[in-house]
Amino acid sequence: MPERLEEKFKHELFKSQTPLGRLWLEHKMETFKEIVDSVEEAAAELGVYFQVEKEERLLSRTYRVFSHRKPIMMITEKFPESYFRKNF
């Protein structure tokens, strides 16, 4: 729902490499996040982006982001399970 975003924020979101969290801070955007799904799956072709084997497990979460009580975006994040293991 990009139409609910301020023009400057929207421009930076789509045209820059600035991380989303940094944009939220710079624009002082208050947000609420609601997790709607979580999944465990094989990395498959995404493994190349994380530099892990195709068989490595990925954990993901999908959440809706609200600002001013209105949904403004839906985000899915994926992480290799190994990122959460402690190496002793």
C-alpha atoms as a PDB file:
ATOM      1  CA  MET A   1       0.000   0.000   0.000  1.00  0.00           C
ATOM      2  CA  PRO A   2       2.584   2.531  -1.123  1.00  0.00           C
ATOM      3  CA  GLU A   3      -0.095   5.213  -1.464  1.00  0.00           C
ATOM      4  CA  ARG A   4      -0.207   5.405   2.342  1.00  0.00           C
ATOM      5  CA  LEU A   5       3.479   6.346   2.552  1.00  0.00           C
ATOM      6  CA  GLU A   6       4.838   9.890   2.463  1.00  0.00           C
ATOM      7  CA  GLU A   7       6.379  10.717  -0.914  1.00  0.00           C
ATOM      8  CA  LYS A   8       9.927  11.255   0.397  1.00  0.00           C
ATOM      9  CA  PHE A   9       9.836   7.988   2.353  1.00  0.00           C
ATOM     10  CA  LYS A  10       8.430   6.119  -0.647  1.00  0.00           C
ATOM     11  CA  HIS A  11      11.106   7.562  -2.935  1.00  0.00           C
ATOM     12  CA  GLU A  12      13.925   6.535  -0.576  1.00  0.00           C
ATOM     13  CA  LEU A  13      12.386   3.096  -0.039  1.00  0.00           C
ATOM     14  CA  PHE A  14      12.220   2.288  -3.750  1.00  0.00           C
ATOM     15  CA  LYS A  15      15.234   4.209  -5.094  1.00  0.00           C
ATOM     16  CA  SER A  16      17.921   3.951  -2.401  1.00  0.00           C
ATOM     17  CA  GLN A  17      19.807   1.143  -0.709  1.00  0.00           C
ATOM     18  CA  THR A  18      18.982   2.505   2.759  1.00  0.00           C
ATOM     19  CA  PRO A  19      17.792  -0.278   5.100  1.00  0.00           C
ATOM     20  CA  LEU A  20      14.114  -0.110   5.981  1.00  0.00           C
ATOM     21  CA  GLY A  21      14.754   0.185   9.715  1.00  0.00           C
ATOM     22  CA  ARG A  22      16.995   3.187   9.125  1.00  0.00           C
ATOM     23  CA  LEU A  23      14.293   4.835   6.992  1.00  0.00           C
ATOM     24  CA  TRP A  24      11.777   4.323   9.798  1.00  0.00           C
ATOM     25  CA  LEU A  25      14.191   6.026  12.216  1.00  0.00           C
ATOM     26  CA  GLU A  26      15.135   8.895   9.907  1.00  0.00           C
ATOM     27  CA  HIS A  27      11.480   9.642   9.152  1.00  0.00           C
ATOM     28  CA  LYS A  28      10.460   9.059  12.790  1.00  0.00           C
ATOM     29  CA  MET A  29       7.768   6.665  11.588  1.00  0.00           C
ATOM     30  CA  GLU A  30       5.969   4.883  14.395  1.00  0.00           C
ATOM     31  CA  THR A  31       5.166   1.314  13.420  1.00  0.00           C
ATOM     32  CA  PHE A  32       3.409  -1.733  14.787  1.00  0.00           C
ATOM     33  CA  LYS A  33       4.252  -5.171  13.395  1.00  0.00           C
ATOM     34  CA  GLU A  34       1.889  -8.147  13.425  1.00  0.00           C
ATOM     35  CA  ILE A  35       3.389 -11.554  12.612  1.00  0.00           C
ATOM     36  CA  VAL A  36       1.033 -13.412  10.299  1.00  0.00           C
ATOM     37  CA  ASP A  37       3.141 -16.446   9.333  1.00  0.00           C
ATOM     38  CA  SER A  38       6.362 -18.294  10.138  1.00  0.00           C
ATOM     39  CA  VAL A  39       7.884 -21.094   8.083  1.00  0.00           C
ATOM     40  CA  GLU A  40      10.848 -23.468   8.079  1.00  0.00           C
ATOM     41  CA  GLU A  41      12.030 -24.547   4.620  1.00  0.00           C
ATOM     42  CA  ALA A  42      15.071 -25.702   2.662  1.00  0.00           C
ATOM     43  CA  ALA A  43      17.246 -22.879   1.317  1.00  0.00           C
ATOM     44  CA  ALA A  44      17.151 -24.359  -2.221  1.00  0.00           C
ATOM     45  CA  GLU A  45      18.113 -21.647  -4.749  1.00  0.00           C
ATOM     46  CA  LEU A  46      18.158 -18.963  -2.022  1.00  0.00           C
ATOM     47  CA  GLY A  47      21.179 -20.703  -0.499  1.00  0.00           C
ATOM     48  CA  VAL A  48      23.483 -18.865  -2.886  1.00  0.00           C
ATOM     49  CA  TYR A  49      22.457 -15.492  -1.383  1.00  0.00           C
ATOM     50  CA  PHE A  50      23.218 -16.661   2.151  1.00  0.00           C
ATOM     51  CA  GLN A  51      26.281 -18.700   1.151  1.00  0.00           C
ATOM     52  CA  VAL A  52      24.773 -21.895   2.541  1.00  0.00           C
ATOM     53  CA  GLU A  53      24.030 -25.294   1.022  1.00  0.00           C
ATOM     54  CA  LYS A  54      20.670 -25.884  -0.689  1.00  0.00           C
ATOM     55  CA  GLU A  55      19.744 -28.337   2.081  1.00  0.00           C
ATOM     56  CA  GLU A  56      20.339 -25.794   4.875  1.00  0.00           C
ATOM     57  CA  ARG A  57      17.132 -24.835   6.678  1.00  0.00           C
ATOM     58  CA  LEU A  58      15.780 -21.293   6.394  1.00  0.00           C
ATOM     59  CA  LEU A  59      13.497 -19.741   8.970  1.00  0.00           C
ATOM     60  CA  SER A  60      11.118 -17.061   7.772  1.00  0.00           C
ATOM     61  CA  ARG A  61       8.526 -14.748   9.186  1.00  0.00           C
ATOM     62  CA  THR A  62       5.948 -12.635   7.432  1.00  0.00           C
ATOM     63  CA  TYR A  63       4.458  -9.644   9.143  1.00  0.00           C
ATOM     64  CA  ARG A  64       2.166  -6.739   8.394  1.00  0.00           C
ATOM     65  CA  VAL A  65       3.425  -3.298   9.269  1.00  0.00           C
ATOM     66  CA  PHE A  66       0.976  -0.661  10.454  1.00  0.00           C
ATOM     67  CA  SER A  67       1.459   3.075  10.833  1.00  0.00           C
ATOM     68  CA  HIS A  68      -1.282   5.332  12.192  1.00  0.00           C
ATOM     69  CA  ARG A  69      -3.363   2.153  12.652  1.00  0.00           C
ATOM     70  CA  LYS A  70      -3.373   1.464   8.902  1.00  0.00           C
ATOM     71  CA  PRO A  71      -1.506  -1.344   7.151  1.00  0.00           C
ATOM     72  CA  ILE A  72       1.319   0.079   5.049  1.00  0.00           C
ATOM     73  CA  MET A  73       3.336  -2.966   3.976  1.00  0.00           C
ATOM     74  CA  MET A  74       3.847  -6.698   4.336  1.00  0.00           C
ATOM     75  CA  ILE A  75       7.375  -8.036   4.801  1.00  0.00           C
ATOM     76  CA  THR A  76       8.834 -11.536   4.641  1.00  0.00           C
ATOM     77  CA  GLU A  77      12.293 -12.071   6.139  1.00  0.00           C
ATOM     78  CA  LYS A  78      14.324 -15.248   5.702  1.00  0.00           C
ATOM     79  CA  PHE A  79      17.396 -16.326   7.683  1.00  0.00           C
ATOM     80  CA  PRO A  80      19.488 -19.495   7.690  1.00  0.00           C
ATOM     81  CA  GLU A  81      18.817 -21.514  10.825  1.00  0.00           C
ATOM     82  CA  SER A  82      22.584 -21.694  11.359  1.00  0.00           C
ATOM     83  CA  TYR A  83      22.629 -17.936  12.110  1.00  0.00           C
ATOM     84  CA  PHE A  84      20.913 -18.767  15.398  1.00  0.00           C
ATOM     85  CA  ARG A  85      23.181 -21.614  16.513  1.00  0.00           C
ATOM     86  CA  LYS A  86      25.989 -20.871  18.943  1.00  0.00           C
ATOM     87  CA  ASN A  87      29.440 -21.964  17.843  1.00  0.00           C
ATOM     88  CA  PHE A  88      31.417 -23.296  20.783  1.00  0.00           C
END
